[in-house]
Structures are given as C-alpha cells and as structure tokens.
Amino acid sequence: VQLQAYGGGLVQAGGSLRLSCVASGVIFSAYTSGWYRQAPGKERELVAVITSFGTTMYGDSVKGRFTISRDNAENTLYLEMNSLTPEDTAVYYCHVRRGSVSSWWWGQGTLVTVSS
C-alpha cells in the first residue's frame, strides 16, 4: 500500500489550498480515511476523516473551514482548506484506517505553511 500526499505549499493567511492523497494498493471507499496534521513541537492532531459510507467528521479547530472529500473513480482523497491561519501550519498526513491504530496506513506528509 502506498499513499502519496501532495498539494502543500506556502500560502498567506486567509488563503486556500487543496491537498490530495492518491492511493495504490488500497481502495479509499472501503475504509475510513482522512487527514492528520503535526505542527513543530506539537502532537499529531486529527483534521478530518471520511467513512466508507461518506460520513465526515472534523477536528474542532478546522470545522467550517476545511472540507474532506473523496473521488472514488480516481481513488483520491482531498482536503479543501479555506480561511487558513498561521496556526494551520503543519505537515499534513493522509491515512487509511484498517484495524488497530498500529495497522493504519500513512502517507509521507505534505507541508503547509501559512504566513501572517
């Protein structure tokens, strides 16, 4: 299984970015999948998940600003991020949940930097 995340970059506060995660060896729609992020010196934080049924859940800090979606035909996971603030600066990781946490599949991460 490989998860390839991309779309990160440098953006000004108030701006938007869209992250993508392409999977090989696993079908996103068969599992719960989503995004975590980790800022320097901080623990990994849940950003958003989408279940196999399409139900979405968001971390409190991103509710109303971020949207997770999935393209089943392309087997790609997306994270649309709007109204970005410097506090959103982090490495964003896509993941697929299979079994226990230790068995989850992770992408390599993509860096998002929001300047003030």
Protein backbone atom coordinates (compact mmCIF):
# COMPACT_ATOMS: atom_id res chain seq x y z
CA VAL A 1 0.00 0.00 0.00
CA GLN A 2 1.21 3.47 -0.88
CA LEU A 3 -0.38 6.80 -0.07
CA GLN A 4 1.03 9.82 -1.86
CA ALA A 5 0.02 13.20 -0.49
CA TYR A 6 0.68 16.42 -2.34
CA GLY A 7 -0.61 19.96 -2.71
CA GLY A 8 1.07 21.59 0.25
CA GLY A 9 2.93 24.84 -0.03
CA LEU A 10 3.22 28.39 1.18
CA VAL A 11 0.08 30.47 1.38
CA GLN A 12 -0.86 33.75 3.00
CA ALA A 13 -3.28 33.92 5.88
CA GLY A 14 -6.83 33.93 4.62
CA GLY A 15 -5.89 31.90 1.58
CA SER A 16 -6.83 28.43 0.44
CA LEU A 17 -5.14 25.19 -0.53
CA ARG A 18 -6.31 21.80 -1.65
CA LEU A 19 -4.44 18.71 -0.61
CA SER A 20 -4.70 15.45 -2.48
CA CYS A 21 -3.82 11.90 -1.49
CA VAL A 22 -3.57 9.22 -4.13
CA ALA A 23 -3.66 5.59 -3.05
CA SER A 24 -2.31 2.45 -4.61
CA GLY A 25 -2.95 -1.00 -3.20
CA VAL A 26 -5.96 0.11 -1.19
CA ILE A 27 -9.40 1.44 -2.04
CA PHE A 28 -10.29 4.56 -0.08
CA SER A 29 -14.01 3.90 -0.25
CA ALA A 30 -13.63 0.57 1.54
CA TYR A 31 -12.27 2.15 4.73
CA THR A 32 -12.42 5.19 6.92
CA SER A 33 -9.68 7.54 5.79
CA GLY A 34 -8.63 11.07 6.39
CA TRP A 35 -6.04 13.60 7.41
CA TYR A 36 -3.99 14.34 10.46
CA ARG A 37 -1.51 17.14 10.89
CA GLN A 38 1.52 17.76 13.06
CA ALA A 39 2.96 21.16 13.77
CA PRO A 40 6.52 21.61 15.05
CA GLY A 41 6.73 20.69 18.71
CA LYS A 42 3.13 19.53 18.86
CA GLU A 43 1.37 16.20 18.83
CA ARG A 44 -0.33 14.84 15.76
CA GLU A 45 -3.85 16.26 15.52
CA LEU A 46 -6.92 14.91 13.78
CA VAL A 47 -8.04 17.16 10.94
CA ALA A 48 -10.81 15.26 9.19
CA VAL A 49 -12.00 11.79 8.35
CA ILE A 50 -14.49 10.31 5.94
CA THR A 51 -16.02 6.90 6.46
CA SER A 52 -16.66 4.29 3.81
CA PHE A 53 -20.27 5.48 3.84
CA GLY A 54 -19.21 9.06 3.19
CA THR A 55 -19.85 10.41 6.67
CA THR A 56 -17.41 13.16 7.52
CA MET A 57 -16.00 14.33 10.85
CA TYR A 58 -13.71 17.25 11.61
CA GLY A 59 -11.41 18.42 14.31
CA ASP A 60 -12.77 21.39 16.24
CA SER A 61 -10.06 23.72 15.02
CA VAL A 62 -10.95 23.25 11.35
CA LYS A 63 -14.73 22.91 11.42
CA GLY A 64 -16.38 25.24 8.95
CA ARG A 65 -13.12 25.96 7.13
CA PHE A 66 -11.91 22.59 5.84
CA THR A 67 -13.77 20.05 3.73
CA ILE A 68 -12.77 16.45 3.20
CA SER A 69 -13.96 14.61 0.12
CA ARG A 70 -13.20 11.53 -1.89
CA ASP A 71 -13.25 10.73 -5.59
CA ASN A 72 -13.97 7.03 -5.79
CA ALA A 73 -13.34 6.81 -9.53
CA GLU A 74 -9.88 8.34 -9.11
CA ASN A 75 -9.29 6.70 -5.72
CA THR A 76 -8.16 10.05 -4.40
CA LEU A 77 -8.76 11.78 -1.09
CA TYR A 78 -8.96 15.56 -0.89
CA LEU A 79 -8.78 18.20 1.79
CA GLU A 80 -10.03 21.63 0.81
CA MET A 81 -8.66 24.21 3.23
CA ASN A 82 -10.06 27.73 3.36
CA SER A 83 -9.51 30.75 5.59
CA LEU A 84 -6.10 29.46 6.52
CA THR A 85 -4.31 30.91 9.53
CA PRO A 86 -0.70 30.58 10.70
CA GLU A 87 -1.98 28.04 13.26
CA ASP A 88 -2.75 25.71 10.36
CA THR A 89 0.95 25.45 9.56
CA ALA A 90 1.88 21.78 9.84
CA VAL A 91 2.78 18.65 7.95
CA TYR A 92 -0.45 17.06 6.78
CA TYR A 93 -0.67 13.28 6.58
CA CYS A 94 -3.31 11.23 4.85
CA HIS A 95 -4.16 7.87 6.31
CA VAL A 96 -6.37 4.84 5.92
CA ARG A 97 -7.77 3.11 8.98
CA ARG A 98 -7.58 -0.62 8.94
CA GLY A 99 -7.88 -2.43 12.23
CA SER A 100 -5.96 -1.06 15.21
CA VAL A 101 -4.10 2.24 15.10
CA SER A 102 -0.79 0.45 14.72
CA SER A 103 -2.08 -1.07 11.46
CA TRP A 104 -3.19 2.17 9.81
CA TRP A 105 -1.58 3.13 6.53
CA TRP A 106 0.04 6.58 6.30
CA GLY A 107 1.20 8.86 3.53
CA GLN A 108 4.52 10.64 3.68
CA GLY A 109 3.08 14.03 4.57
CA THR A 110 2.92 17.33 2.77
CA LEU A 111 3.97 20.62 4.37
CA VAL A 112 1.54 23.51 4.59
CA THR A 113 2.95 26.84 5.67
CA VAL A 114 0.66 29.79 6.29
CA SER A 115 2.31 33.18 6.55
CA SER A 116 0.80 36.06 8.51
